[in-house]
Amino acid sequence: MTEQKTHGTRWGMRILLFVLTTVFAATALCAQPVAGVLVQEGTQLFISGDTFCSRYLVLAKSTEVLAHIKKLTPGDEITASGDKSFIDCSVLLESIDYVGLRRLLGMWLSNEALIKVKDFTSLSFYPLERASSLGQNINTYGLTATSQAATAVDYTYSLTPSEGKEWVLFLSDSTKTLFATIVLSKGSAIMKIYDSESGIVLKTLRMTKWGGVRQ
């Protein structure tokens, strides 16, 4: 009886081990959704965690993903896919699908519009009168408290990584979706808006962060 019980226990442990191995193998083969805000500690980036780990060390599965990670900064938000390791609390990213860039938030001024980026998904365009330089008083651009509501064009947007310093931007309002690219520098940015069918650049906006304009 004791020998049968021992044999049954061993058999049960083998089944349990097989099931656990199968589950972890399946998890390893299937990339999991990953989303959260990036935090930096030293030279390493972490993403907010879950019930298994309070945070995950962000690693790259390819040189392309590594290049995208290097463009991100603490406070940015990502939606990605990757393999989580609950052993060392790391996540090996296979792809980064969408990003929210903290440095994009705020007010941007070009010679055609004031652009207010409210959060990681919505922004507003306020068309302005042309002026000779960005150093003039903001009222020169025709922006008043009464005109803002009347002239604002509200968009939802999504931002995805691209090659080099560029980010790909999709802007959608109630009638259309625009395709654009944006390159961010310290205190400035260049946005190119394209024709979605021909790929021709329709407009280039050279933008300065609001803080560079006298009010």
Foldseek 3Di string as FASTA:
>chain_A
DVVVVVVVVVVVVVVVVVVVVVVVVVLQVFWDKDKAFWDDDDHWIWGADDPLDRIATEAEPDPVVVVVVVLADGGKIWIFIFRADSVRRHTYTDFTFFMFHPVVAAWKDFQFWIKHRHGRWKIKTAGFHGDDDLADAPVNRVDDPVRCVVRIFMWTKTWGDDPDQKIWMWTDGPPDIWTWIKGDDVQWIKIFTADPPPRHTPDITTIGGPVVYDD
